[in-house]
């Protein structure tokens, strides 16, 4: 169950042109904030947050996105989860330039920092836990496991979206390149603590060999508006399911409309 937490927290899972100068994305902006309650039935397992702020990185305007997840209650006593994911997205190129993954999941720890060089098509991986640095080749227009969500929010065109449409992109994760695909399952009406909201429903897949495999029986919903804001994520387990529900939000770029019924 715990291995699914990092997927639920940070995935959610895309504007088609930009000027020569840096400009904001259309679906989100600096100051955006989400909080999610992760639970197994009535049992709260964790809370997670996603936040965006402006920053200058190596002379370039970037969005600094941070995802934080921390176990709570009984889970924290018996199986501590403390995850910190950060990505720095170049506003002009729409590509990640730096990625941080610092996690502690029941004593299983990782502390890695990635530096992307898209011109040379390489990434430097600094494994701080083992004090080791390695260079890897990357695919064109590659995303990291956090920036991919914001890229997808920009790329999706709601006006032409049809059930069965898929979005493929390159993903670099754990020292490897993957081909990632998200399939649109249709429109849905989702209940939240704020009321009901119209949503777009997706399922992610990762290529294994020559075929795409369903990623952890995972389904996620984003608002059917210009935000494409994360609303709900659900992962099926052998018994029951683990869910992440929107608990709080602030500073969305576009209004989000909740309905009482």
Protein backbone atom coordinates (compact mmCIF):
# COMPACT_ATOMS: atom_id res chain seq x y z
CA UNK A 1 0.00 0.00 0.00
CA UNK A 2 2.78 2.44 0.93
CA UNK A 3 4.44 2.14 -2.49
CA UNK A 4 1.28 3.57 -4.00
CA UNK A 5 1.45 6.67 -1.79
CA UNK A 6 4.13 8.45 -3.82
CA UNK A 7 2.15 7.78 -7.01
CA UNK A 8 -1.06 9.10 -5.49
CA UNK A 9 0.59 12.12 -3.94
CA UNK A 10 2.38 13.37 -6.97
CA UNK A 11 0.87 11.99 -9.94
CA UNK A 12 -2.22 13.30 -11.15
CA UNK A 13 -1.75 13.21 -14.41
CA UNK A 14 -0.49 19.47 -20.65
CA UNK A 15 -0.81 26.47 -24.65
CA UNK A 16 0.49 24.88 -27.73
CA UNK A 17 2.87 27.75 -28.50
CA UNK A 18 4.95 30.32 -26.66
CA UNK A 19 6.84 33.53 -27.42
CA UNK A 20 10.58 33.89 -27.39
CA UNK A 21 10.41 35.48 -23.95
CA UNK A 22 9.36 33.59 -20.82
CA UNK A 23 5.63 33.56 -20.13
CA UNK A 24 3.24 31.99 -17.71
CA UNK A 25 1.51 28.71 -18.29
CA UNK A 26 -2.22 28.81 -18.96
CA UNK A 27 -3.53 26.21 -16.48
CA UNK A 28 -1.73 27.39 -13.33
CA UNK A 29 0.33 30.20 -11.86
CA UNK A 30 2.53 31.08 -8.92
CA UNK A 31 0.76 30.75 -5.57
CA UNK A 32 -1.34 27.74 -6.52
CA UNK A 33 -1.76 25.31 -3.60
CA UNK A 34 -3.51 21.97 -3.14
CA UNK A 35 -3.88 19.76 -0.09
CA UNK A 36 -5.09 16.14 -0.27
CA UNK A 37 -6.33 13.69 2.31
CA UNK A 38 -5.06 10.18 1.58
CA UNK A 39 -7.15 7.46 3.15
CA UNK A 40 -8.04 3.78 3.14
CA UNK A 41 -11.76 3.78 3.79
CA UNK A 42 -12.25 5.83 6.98
CA UNK A 43 -8.58 5.39 7.99
CA UNK A 44 -6.47 8.48 7.28
CA UNK A 45 -3.03 7.42 6.05
CA UNK A 46 -1.45 10.69 5.02
CA UNK A 47 -1.80 14.28 3.94
CA UNK A 48 -0.06 15.68 0.87
CA UNK A 49 0.40 19.14 -0.60
CA UNK A 50 1.38 20.62 -3.96
CA UNK A 51 2.51 24.24 -4.20
CA UNK A 52 3.89 26.50 -6.94
CA UNK A 53 6.01 29.64 -6.67
CA UNK A 54 8.11 31.84 -8.96
CA UNK A 55 11.87 31.60 -8.77
CA UNK A 56 15.02 32.49 -10.68
CA UNK A 57 17.25 29.48 -11.36
CA UNK A 58 20.60 30.01 -13.10
CA UNK A 59 19.34 33.28 -14.53
CA UNK A 60 16.09 31.79 -15.90
CA UNK A 61 12.51 32.27 -14.79
CA UNK A 62 11.16 28.98 -13.46
CA UNK A 63 8.25 27.59 -11.54
CA UNK A 64 9.43 25.91 -8.36
CA UNK A 65 6.91 23.16 -7.59
CA UNK A 66 7.07 21.27 -4.31
CA UNK A 67 5.14 18.16 -3.36
CA UNK A 68 5.14 17.12 0.29
CA UNK A 69 3.63 13.99 1.78
CA UNK A 70 3.67 12.93 5.42
CA UNK A 71 2.02 10.05 7.25
CA UNK A 72 -0.36 10.74 10.09
CA UNK A 73 -1.94 9.06 13.10
CA UNK A 74 -1.34 5.34 13.63
CA UNK A 75 0.42 4.93 10.29
CA UNK A 76 3.06 7.44 11.33
CA UNK A 77 3.69 5.48 14.55
CA UNK A 78 4.20 2.14 12.78
CA UNK A 79 5.32 3.14 9.27
CA UNK A 80 6.61 6.69 8.91
CA UNK A 81 6.26 8.33 5.51
CA UNK A 82 7.98 11.66 4.88
CA UNK A 83 8.38 12.52 1.17
CA UNK A 84 9.70 15.69 -0.44
CA UNK A 85 9.55 16.09 -4.22
CA UNK A 86 10.58 19.29 -6.00
CA UNK A 87 10.85 20.29 -9.63
CA UNK A 88 12.04 23.48 -11.32
CA UNK A 89 10.26 24.08 -14.63
CA UNK A 90 11.69 26.53 -17.17
CA UNK A 91 8.85 28.90 -18.08
CA UNK A 92 10.09 29.33 -21.64
CA UNK A 93 10.92 25.76 -22.66
CA UNK A 94 8.26 24.12 -20.44
CA UNK A 95 10.88 21.52 -19.42
CA UNK A 96 12.29 20.58 -15.99
CA UNK A 97 15.82 21.77 -15.28
CA UNK A 98 16.22 20.35 -11.78
CA UNK A 99 14.44 17.68 -9.74
CA UNK A 100 14.75 16.71 -6.06
CA UNK A 101 13.52 13.48 -4.51
CA UNK A 102 14.08 13.09 -0.78
CA UNK A 103 11.97 10.35 0.80
CA UNK A 104 11.67 8.22 3.92
CA UNK A 105 9.10 5.44 3.67
CA UNK A 106 9.26 3.10 6.63
CA UNK A 107 13.03 3.45 6.82
CA UNK A 108 13.50 3.11 3.05
CA UNK A 109 15.23 6.33 2.09
CA UNK A 110 16.34 8.07 -1.08
CA UNK A 111 18.01 11.43 -1.56
CA UNK A 112 18.58 12.27 -5.22
CA UNK A 113 18.99 15.47 -7.17
CA UNK A 114 18.75 15.59 -10.97
CA UNK A 115 20.13 18.31 -13.25
CA UNK A 116 18.76 18.27 -16.81
CA UNK A 117 20.71 19.50 -19.83
CA UNK A 118 18.17 19.37 -22.65
CA UNK A 119 20.57 20.80 -25.23
CA UNK A 120 23.02 17.94 -24.68
CA UNK A 121 20.19 15.45 -23.96
CA UNK A 122 21.75 14.37 -20.67
CA UNK A 123 20.86 14.39 -16.99
CA UNK A 124 23.28 14.42 -14.07
CA UNK A 125 21.97 12.30 -11.18
CA UNK A 126 23.51 13.11 -7.80
CA UNK A 127 22.72 10.34 -5.33
CA UNK A 128 23.43 12.12 -2.07
CA UNK A 129 22.74 9.04 0.03
CA UNK A 130 25.71 7.23 -1.52
CA UNK A 131 27.67 10.34 -2.59
CA UNK A 132 27.58 9.19 -6.22
CA UNK A 133 27.19 11.16 -9.45
CA UNK A 134 26.25 9.66 -12.84
CA UNK A 135 25.31 11.03 -16.25
CA UNK A 136 22.52 9.47 -18.30
CA UNK A 137 21.17 10.08 -21.78
CA UNK A 138 17.61 11.43 -21.89
CA UNK A 139 14.89 11.42 -24.52
CA UNK A 140 13.61 14.60 -26.22
CA UNK A 141 11.19 16.76 -24.22
CA UNK A 142 11.61 14.52 -21.17
CA UNK A 143 9.72 15.22 -17.94
CA UNK A 144 10.40 14.19 -14.34
CA UNK A 145 7.84 12.46 -12.13
CA UNK A 146 6.48 15.75 -10.76
CA UNK A 147 6.76 18.09 -13.75
CA UNK A 148 4.83 15.56 -15.86
CA UNK A 149 1.61 16.46 -14.05
CA UNK A 150 1.95 20.17 -14.83
CA UNK A 151 2.91 19.43 -18.43
CA UNK A 152 -0.21 17.32 -18.89
CA UNK A 153 -2.40 20.07 -17.45
CA UNK A 154 -1.10 22.38 -20.17
CA UNK A 155 -1.30 19.93 -23.06
CA UNK A 156 -4.87 18.67 -22.64
CA UNK A 157 -7.32 20.44 -24.94
CA UNK A 158 -10.78 20.01 -23.43
CA UNK A 159 -12.56 21.22 -26.56
CA UNK A 160 -11.31 18.32 -28.71
CA UNK A 161 -10.95 15.64 -26.04
CA UNK A 162 -12.64 12.32 -26.88
CA UNK A 163 -12.95 9.12 -24.86
CA UNK A 164 -10.01 6.85 -25.66
CA UNK A 165 -7.62 9.69 -26.53
CA UNK A 166 -4.14 9.15 -25.16
CA UNK A 167 -1.18 11.38 -24.41
CA UNK A 168 2.34 9.92 -24.69
CA UNK A 169 5.50 11.50 -23.35
CA UNK A 170 9.02 10.68 -22.20
CA UNK A 171 9.65 10.32 -18.47
CA UNK A 172 12.95 9.95 -16.59
CA UNK A 173 12.66 8.17 -13.26
CA UNK A 174 15.08 6.17 -11.08
CA UNK A 175 17.98 6.43 -13.56
CA UNK A 176 15.89 5.19 -16.49
CA UNK A 177 13.90 6.55 -19.42
CA UNK A 178 10.29 5.44 -19.72
CA UNK A 179 7.51 6.05 -22.22
CA UNK A 180 4.50 7.22 -20.26
CA UNK A 181 0.92 7.23 -21.53
CA UNK A 182 -2.27 8.66 -20.06
CA UNK A 183 -5.64 7.56 -21.47
CA UNK A 184 -8.82 9.66 -21.26
CA UNK A 185 -11.66 7.51 -19.88
CA UNK A 186 -14.47 10.07 -20.16
CA UNK A 187 -16.23 12.78 -18.22
CA UNK A 188 -17.53 12.25 -14.71
CA UNK A 189 -19.20 14.10 -11.84
CA UNK A 190 -17.15 13.81 -8.66
CA UNK A 191 -18.22 14.47 -5.08
CA UNK A 192 -15.82 16.53 -2.95
CA UNK A 193 -16.00 18.23 0.45
CA UNK A 194 -16.74 21.46 -1.46
CA UNK A 195 -19.60 19.97 -3.50
CA UNK A 196 -19.85 18.18 -6.82
CA UNK A 197 -17.60 19.10 -9.73
CA UNK A 198 -17.46 18.12 -13.40
CA UNK A 199 -14.23 16.23 -14.02
CA UNK A 200 -12.09 14.52 -16.66
CA UNK A 201 -11.14 10.93 -15.85
CA UNK A 202 -7.75 9.43 -16.81
CA UNK A 203 -5.68 6.28 -16.33
CA UNK A 204 -1.86 6.21 -16.59
CA UNK A 205 0.26 3.48 -18.19
CA UNK A 206 4.02 2.90 -18.31
CA UNK A 207 5.69 1.03 -21.16
CA UNK A 208 7.30 -2.26 -20.12
CA UNK A 209 9.22 -3.73 -23.04
CA UNK A 210 7.00 -3.15 -26.06
CA UNK A 211 3.67 -2.98 -24.29
CA UNK A 212 2.02 -0.49 -21.98
CA UNK A 213 1.08 -1.82 -18.58
CA UNK A 214 -1.58 -0.35 -16.34
CA UNK A 215 0.10 1.61 -13.59
CA UNK A 216 -1.05 0.24 -10.25
CA UNK A 217 -4.75 0.17 -11.31
CA UNK A 218 -4.65 3.91 -10.81
CA UNK A 219 -7.37 6.36 -11.85
CA UNK A 220 -7.32 10.12 -11.43
CA UNK A 221 -9.75 12.96 -11.99
CA UNK A 222 -9.02 16.61 -12.85
CA UNK A 223 -11.53 19.46 -13.04
CA UNK A 224 -13.21 19.92 -16.42
CA UNK A 225 -12.19 23.58 -16.69
CA UNK A 226 -9.11 25.58 -17.67
CA UNK A 227 -7.33 24.66 -14.40
CA UNK A 228 -7.41 20.90 -14.97
CA UNK A 229 -6.95 20.88 -11.20
CA UNK A 230 -6.43 17.54 -9.41
CA UNK A 231 -9.64 16.48 -7.69
CA UNK A 232 -9.35 12.80 -6.82
CA UNK A 233 -7.02 9.82 -7.24
CA UNK A 234 -7.91 6.18 -6.60
CA UNK A 235 -5.67 3.10 -6.51
CA UNK A 236 -7.24 -0.35 -6.30
CA UNK A 237 -5.72 -2.73 -3.77
CA UNK A 238 -6.20 -6.46 -3.26
CA UNK A 239 -8.80 -5.51 -0.67
CA UNK A 240 -10.49 -2.13 -1.04
CA UNK A 241 -8.78 0.94 -2.43
CA UNK A 242 -6.52 3.79 -1.42
CA UNK A 243 -7.87 7.24 -2.28
CA UNK A 244 -6.66 10.83 -2.31
CA UNK A 245 -9.35 13.51 -2.07
CA UNK A 246 -9.04 17.26 -2.40
CA UNK A 247 -8.96 18.75 1.10
CA UNK A 248 -8.03 22.37 0.43
CA UNK A 249 -6.95 24.67 -2.42
CA UNK A 250 -5.86 28.27 -2.96
CA UNK A 251 -5.00 30.73 -5.73
CA UNK A 252 -6.21 28.84 -8.79
CA UNK A 253 -5.66 30.72 -12.03
CA UNK A 254 -9.27 30.16 -13.17
CA UNK A 255 -12.52 29.87 -11.19
CA UNK A 256 -13.56 26.35 -10.24
CA UNK A 257 -17.30 25.73 -9.96
CA UNK A 258 -18.63 23.36 -7.34
CA UNK A 259 -22.29 22.39 -7.28
CA UNK A 260 -24.38 21.46 -4.27
CA UNK A 261 -26.08 18.59 -6.14
